[in-house]
Amino acid sequence: MASGGGDWKDMYNAAERGDAACVRYHLSAGVDVDYQHPEVMQTALIASLLQGHAEVARLLLEHGADPNLPAELGNLSPLQAAHTRGDAALLSLLQAYGAVARPAPAPVWWQRWLPL
């Protein structure tokens, strides 16, 4: 979360809309770069990647965002988020900061009880 004047929700929304200046402000105010928004359960990095905002993604990575931290809901990794855009530059950016592809998660036992 934040320690100081930053606001995690505003930073998340800024990352989603590509507002690097606002993201920079909240990072400098102490917002945790890897905080997962409790309503959508993903980080600002994943939000920026899903929208194709390379500048914001780079800023978050420069401030220590974990390039391998998956979303709490759906287990979407930053690499998977970038892949949905089909943007090789986003994928290269993540790999430059240490992102690695993960194997698909094991099936969850309870899924067999869900209707097809």
PDB file of N, CA and C in Angstrom:
ATOM      1  N   MET A   1       0.845  -1.167   0.000  1.00  0.00           N
ATOM      2  CA  MET A   1       0.000   0.000   0.000  1.00  0.00           C
ATOM      3  C   MET A   1       0.890   1.229   0.000  1.00  0.00           C
ATOM      4  N   ALA A   2       0.459   2.284   0.607  1.00  0.00           N
ATOM      5  CA  ALA A   2       1.216   3.530   0.570  1.00  0.00           C
ATOM      6  C   ALA A   2       1.773   3.850   1.940  1.00  0.00           C
ATOM      7  N   SER A   3       2.894   4.541   1.925  1.00  0.00           N
ATOM      8  CA  SER A   3       3.420   5.123   3.156  1.00  0.00           C
ATOM      9  C   SER A   3       3.722   6.568   2.817  1.00  0.00           C
ATOM     10  N   GLY A   4       2.819   7.446   3.099  1.00  0.00           N
ATOM     11  CA  GLY A   4       2.982   8.841   2.722  1.00  0.00           C
ATOM     12  C   GLY A   4       1.762   9.319   1.971  1.00  0.00           C
ATOM     13  N   GLY A   5       1.982  10.147   0.949  1.00  0.00           N
ATOM     14  CA  GLY A   5       0.876  10.769   0.242  1.00  0.00           C
ATOM     15  C   GLY A   5       0.376  10.018  -0.965  1.00  0.00           C
ATOM     16  N   GLY A   6       0.947   8.865  -1.273  1.00  0.00           N
ATOM     17  CA  GLY A   6       0.534   8.133  -2.464  1.00  0.00           C
ATOM     18  C   GLY A   6      -0.772   7.388  -2.263  1.00  0.00           C
ATOM     19  N   ASP A   7      -1.374   7.009  -3.357  1.00  0.00           N
ATOM     20  CA  ASP A   7      -2.645   6.308  -3.335  1.00  0.00           C
ATOM     21  C   ASP A   7      -2.567   5.165  -4.341  1.00  0.00           C
ATOM     22  N   TRP A   8      -2.658   3.927  -3.864  1.00  0.00           N
ATOM     23  CA  TRP A   8      -2.497   2.772  -4.747  1.00  0.00           C
ATOM     24  C   TRP A   8      -3.562   2.718  -5.825  1.00  0.00           C
ATOM     25  N   LYS A   9      -4.794   3.101  -5.488  1.00  0.00           N
ATOM     26  CA  LYS A   9      -5.878   3.006  -6.470  1.00  0.00           C
ATOM     27  C   LYS A   9      -5.673   4.014  -7.595  1.00  0.00           C
ATOM     28  N   ASP A  10      -5.254   5.228  -7.245  1.00  0.00           N
ATOM     29  CA  ASP A  10      -4.976   6.237  -8.264  1.00  0.00           C
ATOM     30  C   ASP A  10      -3.791   5.801  -9.125  1.00  0.00           C
ATOM     31  N   MET A  11      -2.770   5.189  -8.501  1.00  0.00           N
ATOM     32  CA  MET A  11      -1.625   4.721  -9.278  1.00  0.00           C
ATOM     33  C   MET A  11      -2.044   3.610 -10.242  1.00  0.00           C
ATOM     34  N   TYR A  12      -2.862   2.688  -9.779  1.00  0.00           N
ATOM     35  CA  TYR A  12      -3.341   1.606 -10.638  1.00  0.00           C
ATOM     36  C   TYR A  12      -4.107   2.185 -11.831  1.00  0.00           C
ATOM     37  N   ASN A  13      -5.027   3.107 -11.549  1.00  0.00           N
ATOM     38  CA  ASN A  13      -5.813   3.716 -12.626  1.00  0.00           C
ATOM     39  C   ASN A  13      -4.928   4.485 -13.596  1.00  0.00           C
ATOM     40  N   ALA A  14      -3.911   5.171 -13.078  1.00  0.00           N
ATOM     41  CA  ALA A  14      -2.972   5.902 -13.934  1.00  0.00           C
ATOM     42  C   ALA A  14      -2.193   4.935 -14.818  1.00  0.00           C
ATOM     43  N   ALA A  15      -1.783   3.805 -14.270  1.00  0.00           N
ATOM     44  CA  ALA A  15      -1.063   2.797 -15.059  1.00  0.00           C
ATOM     45  C   ALA A  15      -1.952   2.253 -16.165  1.00  0.00           C
ATOM     46  N   GLU A  16      -3.211   2.053 -15.850  1.00  0.00           N
ATOM     47  CA  GLU A  16      -4.156   1.513 -16.825  1.00  0.00           C
ATOM     48  C   GLU A  16      -4.413   2.491 -17.973  1.00  0.00           C
ATOM     49  N   ARG A  17      -4.386   3.781 -17.665  1.00  0.00           N
ATOM     50  CA  ARG A  17      -4.637   4.770 -18.727  1.00  0.00           C
ATOM     51  C   ARG A  17      -3.350   5.310 -19.358  1.00  0.00           C
ATOM     52  N   GLY A  18      -2.183   4.887 -18.845  1.00  0.00           N
ATOM     53  CA  GLY A  18      -0.907   5.285 -19.440  1.00  0.00           C
ATOM     54  C   GLY A  18      -0.358   6.604 -18.961  1.00  0.00           C
ATOM     55  N   ASP A  19      -0.743   7.051 -17.791  1.00  0.00           N
ATOM     56  CA  ASP A  19      -0.300   8.333 -17.244  1.00  0.00           C
ATOM     57  C   ASP A  19       0.976   8.138 -16.421  1.00  0.00           C
ATOM     58  N   ALA A  20       2.127   8.197 -17.100  1.00  0.00           N
ATOM     59  CA  ALA A  20       3.414   7.939 -16.448  1.00  0.00           C
ATOM     60  C   ALA A  20       3.718   8.957 -15.353  1.00  0.00           C
ATOM     61  N   ALA A  21       3.364  10.214 -15.552  1.00  0.00           N
ATOM     62  CA  ALA A  21       3.655  11.244 -14.547  1.00  0.00           C
ATOM     63  C   ALA A  21       2.924  10.950 -13.238  1.00  0.00           C
ATOM     64  N   CYS A  22       1.682  10.529 -13.335  1.00  0.00           N
ATOM     65  CA  CYS A  22       0.905  10.208 -12.137  1.00  0.00           C
ATOM     66  C   CYS A  22       1.464   8.958 -11.450  1.00  0.00           C
ATOM     67  N   VAL A  23       1.831   7.956 -12.230  1.00  0.00           N
ATOM     68  CA  VAL A  23       2.433   6.745 -11.662  1.00  0.00           C
ATOM     69  C   VAL A  23       3.728   7.105 -10.944  1.00  0.00           C
ATOM     70  N   ARG A  24       4.557   7.926 -11.572  1.00  0.00           N
ATOM     71  CA  ARG A  24       5.830   8.356 -10.973  1.00  0.00           C
ATOM     72  C   ARG A  24       5.583   9.060  -9.636  1.00  0.00           C
ATOM     73  N   TYR A  25       4.581   9.933  -9.593  1.00  0.00           N
ATOM     74  CA  TYR A  25       4.249  10.640  -8.351  1.00  0.00           C
ATOM     75  C   TYR A  25       3.940   9.647  -7.227  1.00  0.00           C
ATOM     76  N   HIS A  26       3.074   8.696  -7.506  1.00  0.00           N
ATOM     77  CA  HIS A  26       2.658   7.751  -6.464  1.00  0.00           C
ATOM     78  C   HIS A  26       3.803   6.833  -6.042  1.00  0.00           C
ATOM     79  N   LEU A  27       4.651   6.464  -6.982  1.00  0.00           N
ATOM     80  CA  LEU A  27       5.821   5.659  -6.616  1.00  0.00           C
ATOM     81  C   LEU A  27       6.745   6.448  -5.699  1.00  0.00           C
ATOM     82  N   SER A  28       6.955   7.720  -6.033  1.00  0.00           N
ATOM     83  CA  SER A  28       7.834   8.548  -5.196  1.00  0.00           C
ATOM     84  C   SER A  28       7.215   8.819  -3.825  1.00  0.00           C
ATOM     85  N   ALA A  29       5.888   8.713  -3.734  1.00  0.00           N
ATOM     86  CA  ALA A  29       5.200   8.920  -2.458  1.00  0.00           C
ATOM     87  C   ALA A  29       5.152   7.646  -1.616  1.00  0.00           C
ATOM     88  N   GLY A  30       5.665   6.545  -2.156  1.00  0.00           N
ATOM     89  CA  GLY A  30       5.775   5.335  -1.362  1.00  0.00           C
ATOM     90  C   GLY A  30       4.780   4.229  -1.629  1.00  0.00           C
ATOM     91  N   VAL A  31       4.007   4.323  -2.698  1.00  0.00           N
ATOM     92  CA  VAL A  31       3.070   3.243  -2.997  1.00  0.00           C
ATOM     93  C   VAL A  31       3.862   1.991  -3.377  1.00  0.00           C
ATOM     94  N   ASP A  32       3.452   0.855  -2.846  1.00  0.00           N
ATOM     95  CA  ASP A  32       4.090  -0.431  -3.144  1.00  0.00           C
ATOM     96  C   ASP A  32       3.874  -0.761  -4.618  1.00  0.00           C
ATOM     97  N   VAL A  33       4.973  -0.886  -5.355  1.00  0.00           N
ATOM     98  CA  VAL A  33       4.910  -1.107  -6.797  1.00  0.00           C
ATOM     99  C   VAL A  33       4.233  -2.434  -7.148  1.00  0.00           C
ATOM    100  N   ASP A  34       4.250  -3.399  -6.238  1.00  0.00           N
ATOM    101  CA  ASP A  34       3.648  -4.704  -6.506  1.00  0.00           C
ATOM    102  C   ASP A  34       2.302  -4.911  -5.811  1.00  0.00           C
ATOM    103  N   TYR A  35       1.703  -3.831  -5.313  1.00  0.00           N
ATOM    104  CA  TYR A  35       0.410  -3.961  -4.641  1.00  0.00           C
ATOM    105  C   TYR A  35      -0.640  -4.429  -5.647  1.00  0.00           C
ATOM    106  N   GLN A  36      -1.435  -5.422  -5.264  1.00  0.00           N
ATOM    107  CA  GLN A  36      -2.481  -5.936  -6.144  1.00  0.00           C
ATOM    108  C   GLN A  36      -3.811  -5.278  -5.785  1.00  0.00           C
ATOM    109  N   HIS A  37      -4.382  -4.596  -6.753  1.00  0.00           N
ATOM    110  CA  HIS A  37      -5.671  -3.921  -6.586  1.00  0.00           C
ATOM    111  C   HIS A  37      -6.681  -4.945  -6.062  1.00  0.00           C
ATOM    112  N   PRO A  38      -7.320  -4.694  -4.917  1.00  0.00           N
ATOM    113  CA  PRO A  38      -8.191  -5.698  -4.315  1.00  0.00           C
ATOM    114  C   PRO A  38      -9.492  -5.954  -5.071  1.00  0.00           C
ATOM    115  N   GLU A  39      -9.876  -5.069  -5.971  1.00  0.00           N
ATOM    116  CA  GLU A  39     -11.103  -5.292  -6.730  1.00  0.00           C
ATOM    117  C   GLU A  39     -10.845  -6.119  -7.984  1.00  0.00           C
ATOM    118  N   VAL A  40      -9.691  -5.921  -8.634  1.00  0.00           N
ATOM    119  CA  VAL A  40      -9.374  -6.671  -9.853  1.00  0.00           C
ATOM    120  C   VAL A  40      -8.258  -7.682  -9.625  1.00  0.00           C
ATOM    121  N   MET A  41      -7.621  -7.598  -8.460  1.00  0.00           N
ATOM    122  CA  MET A  41      -6.607  -8.546  -8.008  1.00  0.00           C
ATOM    123  C   MET A  41      -5.453  -8.726  -8.991  1.00  0.00           C
ATOM    124  N   GLN A  42      -4.924  -7.582  -9.447  1.00  0.00           N
ATOM    125  CA  GLN A  42      -3.724  -7.599 -10.275  1.00  0.00           C
ATOM    126  C   GLN A  42      -2.934  -6.328 -10.024  1.00  0.00           C
ATOM    127  N   THR A  43      -1.681  -6.333 -10.451  1.00  0.00           N
ATOM    128  CA  THR A  43      -0.787  -5.203 -10.216  1.00  0.00           C
ATOM    129  C   THR A  43      -0.948  -4.128 -11.283  1.00  0.00           C
ATOM    130  N   ALA A  44      -0.386  -2.971 -10.985  1.00  0.00           N
ATOM    131  CA  ALA A  44      -0.358  -1.878 -11.961  1.00  0.00           C
ATOM    132  C   ALA A  44       0.455  -2.280 -13.187  1.00  0.00           C
ATOM    133  N   LEU A  45       1.490  -3.105 -12.999  1.00  0.00           N
ATOM    134  CA  LEU A  45       2.285  -3.566 -14.141  1.00  0.00           C
ATOM    135  C   LEU A  45       1.416  -4.354 -15.111  1.00  0.00           C
ATOM    136  N   ILE A  46       0.651  -5.288 -14.608  1.00  0.00           N
ATOM    137  CA  ILE A  46      -0.216  -6.080 -15.487  1.00  0.00           C
ATOM    138  C   ILE A  46      -1.247  -5.182 -16.162  1.00  0.00           C
ATOM    139  N   ALA A  47      -1.809  -4.230 -15.428  1.00  0.00           N
ATOM    140  CA  ALA A  47      -2.784  -3.304 -16.021  1.00  0.00           C
ATOM    141  C   ALA A  47      -2.158  -2.510 -17.160  1.00  0.00           C
ATOM    142  N   SER A  48      -0.935  -2.024 -16.959  1.00  0.00           N
ATOM    143  CA  SER A  48      -0.272  -1.235 -18.007  1.00  0.00           C
ATOM    144  C   SER A  48       0.042  -2.102 -19.220  1.00  0.00           C
ATOM    145  N   LEU A  49       0.442  -3.340 -18.996  1.00  0.00           N
ATOM    146  CA  LEU A  49       0.763  -4.240 -20.108  1.00  0.00           C
ATOM    147  C   LEU A  49      -0.479  -4.604 -20.910  1.00  0.00           C
ATOM    148  N   LEU A  50      -1.581  -4.863 -20.230  1.00  0.00           N
ATOM    149  CA  LEU A  50      -2.821  -5.204 -20.930  1.00  0.00           C
ATOM    150  C   LEU A  50      -3.286  -4.074 -21.840  1.00  0.00           C
ATOM    151  N   GLN A  51      -2.960  -2.836 -21.470  1.00  0.00           N
ATOM    152  CA  GLN A  51      -3.348  -1.681 -22.278  1.00  0.00           C
ATOM    153  C   GLN A  51      -2.249  -1.254 -23.253  1.00  0.00           C
ATOM    154  N   GLY A  52      -1.086  -1.903 -23.202  1.00  0.00           N
ATOM    155  CA  GLY A  52      -0.001  -1.595 -24.126  1.00  0.00           C
ATOM    156  C   GLY A  52       0.796  -0.351 -23.792  1.00  0.00           C
ATOM    157  N   HIS A  53       0.838   0.037 -22.532  1.00  0.00           N
ATOM    158  CA  HIS A  53       1.547   1.255 -22.120  1.00  0.00           C
ATOM    159  C   HIS A  53       2.991   0.935 -21.724  1.00  0.00           C
ATOM    160  N   ALA A  54       3.865   0.891 -22.723  1.00  0.00           N
ATOM    161  CA  ALA A  54       5.263   0.500 -22.515  1.00  0.00           C
ATOM    162  C   ALA A  54       6.000   1.463 -21.590  1.00  0.00           C
ATOM    163  N   GLU A  55       5.747   2.761 -21.717  1.00  0.00           N
ATOM    164  CA  GLU A  55       6.445   3.739 -20.871  1.00  0.00           C
ATOM    165  C   GLU A  55       6.130   3.504 -19.396  1.00  0.00           C
ATOM    166  N   VAL A  56       4.869   3.265 -19.101  1.00  0.00           N
ATOM    167  CA  VAL A  56       4.465   3.016 -17.716  1.00  0.00           C
ATOM    168  C   VAL A  56       5.030   1.683 -17.232  1.00  0.00           C
ATOM    169  N   ALA A  57       4.983   0.672 -18.071  1.00  0.00           N
ATOM    170  CA  ALA A  57       5.536  -0.633 -17.693  1.00  0.00           C
ATOM    171  C   ALA A  57       7.023  -0.502 -17.372  1.00  0.00           C
ATOM    172  N   ARG A  58       7.762   0.219 -18.207  1.00  0.00           N
ATOM    173  CA  ARG A  58       9.195   0.421 -17.963  1.00  0.00           C
ATOM    174  C   ARG A  58       9.414   1.154 -16.634  1.00  0.00           C
ATOM    175  N   LEU A  59       8.625   2.181 -16.386  1.00  0.00           N
ATOM    176  CA  LEU A  59       8.737   2.943 -15.141  1.00  0.00           C
ATOM    177  C   LEU A  59       8.509   2.044 -13.926  1.00  0.00           C
ATOM    178  N   LEU A  60       7.483   1.226 -13.980  1.00  0.00           N
ATOM    179  CA  LEU A  60       7.187   0.318 -12.873  1.00  0.00           C
ATOM    180  C   LEU A  60       8.318  -0.693 -12.677  1.00  0.00           C
ATOM    181  N   LEU A  61       8.838  -1.227 -13.770  1.00  0.00           N
ATOM    182  CA  LEU A  61       9.947  -2.179 -13.678  1.00  0.00           C
ATOM    183  C   LEU A  61      11.202  -1.510 -13.125  1.00  0.00           C
ATOM    184  N   GLU A  62      11.460  -0.275 -13.549  1.00  0.00           N
ATOM    185  CA  GLU A  62      12.618   0.466 -13.029  1.00  0.00           C
ATOM    186  C   GLU A  62      12.506   0.704 -11.523  1.00  0.00           C
ATOM    187  N   HIS A  63      11.276   0.757 -11.030  1.00  0.00           N
ATOM    188  CA  HIS A  63      11.042   0.966  -9.595  1.00  0.00           C
ATOM    189  C   HIS A  63      10.865  -0.358  -8.849  1.00  0.00           C
ATOM    190  N   GLY A  64      11.237  -1.451  -9.492  1.00  0.00           N
ATOM    191  CA  GLY A  64      11.270  -2.732  -8.799  1.00  0.00           C
ATOM    192  C   GLY A  64      10.065  -3.634  -8.937  1.00  0.00           C
ATOM    193  N   ALA A  65       9.152  -3.334  -9.865  1.00  0.00           N
ATOM    194  CA  ALA A  65       8.010  -4.231 -10.059  1.00  0.00           C
ATOM    195  C   ALA A  65       8.515  -5.630 -10.408  1.00  0.00           C
ATOM    196  N   ASP A  66       7.897  -6.628  -9.837  1.00  0.00           N
ATOM    197  CA  ASP A  66       8.285  -8.015 -10.075  1.00  0.00           C
ATOM    198  C   ASP A  66       7.751  -8.453 -11.441  1.00  0.00           C
ATOM    199  N   PRO A  67       8.640  -8.739 -12.408  1.00  0.00           N
ATOM    200  CA  PRO A  67       8.189  -9.117 -13.746  1.00  0.00           C
ATOM    201  C   PRO A  67       7.600 -10.524 -13.812  1.00  0.00           C
ATOM    202  N   ASN A  68       7.608 -11.242 -12.698  1.00  0.00           N
ATOM    203  CA  ASN A  68       7.076 -12.606 -12.664  1.00  0.00           C
ATOM    204  C   ASN A  68       5.887 -12.763 -11.722  1.00  0.00           C
ATOM    205  N   LEU A  69       5.439 -11.675 -11.102  1.00  0.00           N
ATOM    206  CA  LEU A  69       4.342 -11.757 -10.134  1.00  0.00           C
ATOM    207  C   LEU A  69       3.002 -11.867 -10.869  1.00  0.00           C
ATOM    208  N   PRO A  70       2.312 -13.004 -10.721  1.00  0.00           N
ATOM    209  CA  PRO A  70       1.029 -13.151 -11.412  1.00  0.00           C
ATOM    210  C   PRO A  70      -0.101 -12.448 -10.669  1.00  0.00           C
ATOM    211  N   ALA A  71      -1.171 -12.202 -11.393  1.00  0.00           N
ATOM    212  CA  ALA A  71      -2.378 -11.646 -10.788  1.00  0.00           C
ATOM    213  C   ALA A  71      -2.938 -12.660  -9.796  1.00  0.00           C
ATOM    214  N   GLU A  72      -3.469 -12.159  -8.686  1.00  0.00           N
ATOM    215  CA  GLU A  72      -4.051 -13.054  -7.687  1.00  0.00           C
ATOM    216  C   GLU A  72      -5.302 -13.742  -8.218  1.00  0.00           C
ATOM    217  N   LEU A  73      -6.013 -13.101  -9.115  1.00  0.00           N
ATOM    218  CA  LEU A  73      -7.211 -13.683  -9.708  1.00  0.00           C
ATOM    219  C   LEU A  73      -6.890 -14.075 -11.145  1.00  0.00           C
ATOM    220  N   GLY A  74      -6.976 -15.327 -11.456  1.00  0.00           N
ATOM    221  CA  GLY A  74      -6.731 -15.788 -12.811  1.00  0.00           C
ATOM    222  C   GLY A  74      -5.294 -16.186 -13.085  1.00  0.00           C
ATOM    223  N   ASN A  75      -4.368 -15.837 -12.176  1.00  0.00           N
ATOM    224  CA  ASN A  75      -2.973 -16.246 -12.292  1.00  0.00           C
ATOM    225  C   ASN A  75      -2.299 -15.733 -13.568  1.00  0.00           C
ATOM    226  N   LEU A  76      -2.783 -14.625 -14.126  1.00  0.00           N
ATOM    227  CA  LEU A  76      -2.203 -14.042 -15.336  1.00  0.00           C
ATOM    228  C   LEU A  76      -0.837 -13.452 -15.008  1.00  0.00           C
ATOM    229  N   SER A  77       0.189 -13.886 -15.735  1.00  0.00           N
ATOM    230  CA  SER A  77       1.537 -13.359 -15.500  1.00  0.00           C
ATOM    231  C   SER A  77       1.750 -12.099 -16.338  1.00  0.00           C
ATOM    232  N   PRO A  78       2.739 -11.284 -15.986  1.00  0.00           N
ATOM    233  CA  PRO A  78       3.052 -10.132 -16.829  1.00  0.00           C
ATOM    234  C   PRO A  78       3.376 -10.534 -18.271  1.00  0.00           C
ATOM    235  N   LEU A  79       4.112 -11.636 -18.471  1.00  0.00           N
ATOM    236  CA  LEU A  79       4.405 -12.081 -19.838  1.00  0.00           C
ATOM    237  C   LEU A  79       3.127 -12.435 -20.589  1.00  0.00           C
ATOM    238  N   GLN A  80       2.206 -13.095 -19.929  1.00  0.00           N
ATOM    239  CA  GLN A  80       0.936 -13.432 -20.571  1.00  0.00           C
ATOM    240  C   GLN A  80       0.148 -12.170 -20.909  1.00  0.00           C
ATOM    241  N   ALA A  81       0.178 -11.192 -20.006  1.00  0.00           N
ATOM    242  CA  ALA A  81      -0.517  -9.925 -20.263  1.00  0.00           C
ATOM    243  C   ALA A  81       0.070  -9.238 -21.487  1.00  0.00           C
ATOM    244  N   ALA A  82       1.400  -9.199 -21.581  1.00  0.00           N
ATOM    245  CA  ALA A  82       2.054  -8.579 -22.738  1.00  0.00           C
ATOM    246  C   ALA A  82       1.757  -9.361 -24.009  1.00  0.00           C
ATOM    247  N   HIS A  83       1.706 -10.674 -23.890  1.00  0.00           N
ATOM    248  CA  HIS A  83       1.445 -11.519 -25.059  1.00  0.00           C
ATOM    249  C   HIS A  83       0.055 -11.249 -25.640  1.00  0.00           C
ATOM    250  N   THR A  84      -0.917 -10.911 -24.803  1.00  0.00           N
ATOM    251  CA  THR A  84      -2.264 -10.630 -25.306  1.00  0.00           C
ATOM    252  C   THR A  84      -2.268  -9.434 -26.246  1.00  0.00           C
ATOM    253  N   ARG A  85      -1.284  -8.544 -26.107  1.00  0.00           N
ATOM    254  CA  ARG A  85      -1.174  -7.377 -26.988  1.00  0.00           C
ATOM    255  C   ARG A  85      -0.475  -7.731 -28.300  1.00  0.00           C
ATOM    256  N   GLY A  86       0.252  -8.841 -28.304  1.00  0.00           N
ATOM    257  CA  GLY A  86       1.012  -9.206 -29.493  1.00  0.00           C
ATOM    258  C   GLY A  86       2.142  -8.228 -29.771  1.00  0.00           C
ATOM    259  N   ASP A  87       2.658  -7.599 -28.725  1.00  0.00           N
ATOM    260  CA  ASP A  87       3.677  -6.553 -28.857  1.00  0.00           C
ATOM    261  C   ASP A  87       5.035  -7.110 -28.439  1.00  0.00           C
ATOM    262  N   ALA A  88       5.899  -7.346 -29.427  1.00  0.00           N
ATOM    263  CA  ALA A  88       7.223  -7.922 -29.157  1.00  0.00           C
ATOM    264  C   ALA A  88       8.060  -7.013 -28.265  1.00  0.00           C
ATOM    265  N   ALA A  89       7.869  -5.698 -28.370  1.00  0.00           N
ATOM    266  CA  ALA A  89       8.650  -4.765 -27.547  1.00  0.00           C
ATOM    267  C   ALA A  89       8.302  -4.921 -26.066  1.00  0.00           C
ATOM    268  N   LEU A  90       7.028  -5.128 -25.757  1.00  0.00           N
ATOM    269  CA  LEU A  90       6.627  -5.341 -24.361  1.00  0.00           C
ATOM    270  C   LEU A  90       7.219  -6.647 -23.828  1.00  0.00           C
ATOM    271  N   LEU A  91       7.192  -7.683 -24.646  1.00  0.00           N
ATOM    272  CA  LEU A  91       7.766  -8.962 -24.234  1.00  0.00           C
ATOM    273  C   LEU A  91       9.265  -8.828 -23.993  1.00  0.00           C
ATOM    274  N   SER A  92       9.953  -8.132 -24.880  1.00  0.00           N
ATOM    275  CA  SER A  92      11.400  -7.922 -24.723  1.00  0.00           C
ATOM    276  C   SER A  92      11.706  -7.112 -23.469  1.00  0.00           C
ATOM    277  N   LEU A  93      10.887  -6.096 -23.208  1.00  0.00           N
ATOM    278  CA  LEU A  93      11.069  -5.278 -22.011  1.00  0.00           C
ATOM    279  C   LEU A  93      10.988  -6.144 -20.755  1.00  0.00           C
ATOM    280  N   LEU A  94       9.977  -6.971 -20.677  1.00  0.00           N
ATOM    281  CA  LEU A  94       9.819  -7.845 -19.511  1.00  0.00           C
ATOM    282  C   LEU A  94      10.986  -8.819 -19.380  1.00  0.00           C
ATOM    283  N   GLN A  95      11.407  -9.392 -20.490  1.00  0.00           N
ATOM    284  CA  GLN A  95      12.521 -10.341 -20.447  1.00  0.00           C
ATOM    285  C   GLN A  95      13.807  -9.654 -20.014  1.00  0.00           C
ATOM    286  N   ALA A  96      13.985  -8.398 -20.403  1.00  0.00           N
ATOM    287  CA  ALA A  96      15.170  -7.642 -19.989  1.00  0.00           C
ATOM    288  C   ALA A  96      15.201  -7.444 -18.472  1.00  0.00           C
ATOM    289  N   TYR A  97      14.036  -7.459 -17.847  1.00  0.00           N
ATOM    290  CA  TYR A  97      13.949  -7.303 -16.391  1.00  0.00           C
ATOM    291  C   TYR A  97      13.784  -8.647 -15.673  1.00  0.00           C
ATOM    292  N   GLY A  98      14.007  -9.734 -16.391  1.00  0.00           N
ATOM    293  CA  GLY A  98      14.042 -11.046 -15.752  1.00  0.00           C
ATOM    294  C   GLY A  98      12.778 -11.875 -15.810  1.00  0.00           C
ATOM    295  N   ALA A  99      11.807 -11.481 -16.619  1.00  0.00           N
ATOM    296  CA  ALA A  99      10.586 -12.277 -16.722  1.00  0.00           C
ATOM    297  C   ALA A  99      10.898 -13.610 -17.396  1.00  0.00           C
ATOM    298  N   VAL A 100      10.311 -14.659 -16.870  1.00  0.00           N
ATOM    299  CA  VAL A 100      10.469 -15.989 -17.456  1.00  0.00           C
ATOM    300  C   VAL A 100       9.089 -16.619 -17.634  1.00  0.00           C
ATOM    301  N   ALA A 101       8.966 -17.395 -18.698  1.00  0.00           N
ATOM    302  CA  ALA A 101       7.701 -18.083 -18.957  1.00  0.00           C
ATOM    303  C   ALA A 101       7.527 -19.196 -17.933  1.00  0.00           C
ATOM    304  N   ARG A 102       6.310 -19.341 -17.451  1.00  0.00           N
ATOM    305  CA  ARG A 102       5.991 -20.386 -16.477  1.00  0.00           C
ATOM    306  C   ARG A 102       5.188 -21.481 -17.162  1.00  0.00           C
ATOM    307  N   PRO A 103       5.309 -22.696 -16.674  1.00  0.00           N
ATOM    308  CA  PRO A 103       4.435 -23.743 -17.205  1.00  0.00           C
ATOM    309  C   PRO A 103       2.991 -23.447 -16.808  1.00  0.00           C
ATOM    310  N   ALA A 104       2.079 -23.977 -17.570  1.00  0.00           N
ATOM    311  CA  ALA A 104       0.661 -23.795 -17.246  1.00  0.00           C
ATOM    312  C   ALA A 104       0.383 -24.379 -15.866  1.00  0.00           C
ATOM    313  N   PRO A 105      -0.475 -23.724 -15.091  1.00  0.00           N
ATOM    314  CA  PRO A 105      -0.775 -24.251 -13.756  1.00  0.00           C
ATOM    315  C   PRO A 105      -1.485 -25.601 -13.845  1.00  0.00           C
ATOM    316  N   ALA A 106      -1.298 -26.401 -12.830  1.00  0.00           N
ATOM    317  CA  ALA A 106      -1.966 -27.701 -12.766  1.00  0.00           C
ATOM    318  C   ALA A 106      -3.473 -27.488 -12.679  1.00  0.00           C
ATOM    319  N   PRO A 107      -4.241 -28.385 -13.255  1.00  0.00           N
ATOM    320  CA  PRO A 107      -5.698 -28.244 -13.170  1.00  0.00           C
ATOM    321  C   PRO A 107      -6.159 -28.258 -11.712  1.00  0.00           C
ATOM    322  N   VAL A 108      -7.180 -27.530 -11.456  1.00  0.00           N
ATOM    323  CA  VAL A 108      -7.754 -27.480 -10.112  1.00  0.00           C
ATOM    324  C   VAL A 108      -8.821 -28.568 -10.032  1.00  0.00           C
ATOM    325  N   TRP A 109      -8.744 -29.373  -8.997  1.00  0.00           N
ATOM    326  CA  TRP A 109      -9.608 -30.548  -8.891  1.00  0.00           C
ATOM    327  C   TRP A 109     -11.084 -30.227  -8.976  1.00  0.00           C
ATOM    328  N   TRP A 110     -11.509 -29.090  -8.418  1.00  0.00           N
ATOM    329  CA  TRP A 110     -12.940 -28.789  -8.365  1.00  0.00           C
ATOM    330  C   TRP A 110     -13.516 -28.400  -9.715  1.00  0.00           C
ATOM    331  N   GLN A 111     -12.668 -28.113 -10.693  1.00  0.00           N
ATOM    332  CA  GLN A 111     -13.185 -27.715 -12.005  1.00  0.00           C
ATOM    333  C   GLN A 111     -13.968 -28.842 -12.677  1.00  0.00           C
ATOM    334  N   ARG A 112     -13.660 -30.076 -12.330  1.00  0.00           N
ATOM    335  CA  ARG A 112     -14.389 -31.185 -12.958  1.00  0.00           C
ATOM    336  C   ARG A 112     -15.855 -31.202 -12.557  1.00  0.00           C
ATOM    337  N   TRP A 113     -16.211 -30.507 -11.469  1.00  0.00           N
ATOM    338  CA  TRP A 113     -17.594 -30.475 -11.004  1.00  0.00           C
ATOM    339  C   TRP A 113     -18.397 -29.355 -11.643  1.00  0.00           C
ATOM    340  N   LEU A 114     -17.722 -28.474 -12.381  1.00  0.00           N
ATOM    341  CA  LEU A 114     -18.424 -27.376 -13.036  1.00  0.00           C
ATOM    342  C   LEU A 114     -19.057 -27.867 -14.334  1.00  0.00           C
ATOM    343  N   PRO A 115     -20.225 -27.352 -14.685  1.00  0.00           N
ATOM    344  CA  PRO A 115     -20.837 -27.771 -15.951  1.00  0.00           C
ATOM    345  C   PRO A 115     -19.999 -27.277 -17.132  1.00  0.00           C
ATOM    346  N   LEU A 116     -20.007 -28.035 -18.189  1.00  0.00           N
ATOM    347  CA  LEU A 116     -19.248 -27.673 -19.387  1.00  0.00           C
ATOM    348  C   LEU A 116     -19.928 -26.635 -20.202  1.00  0.00           C
TER     349      LEU A 116
END
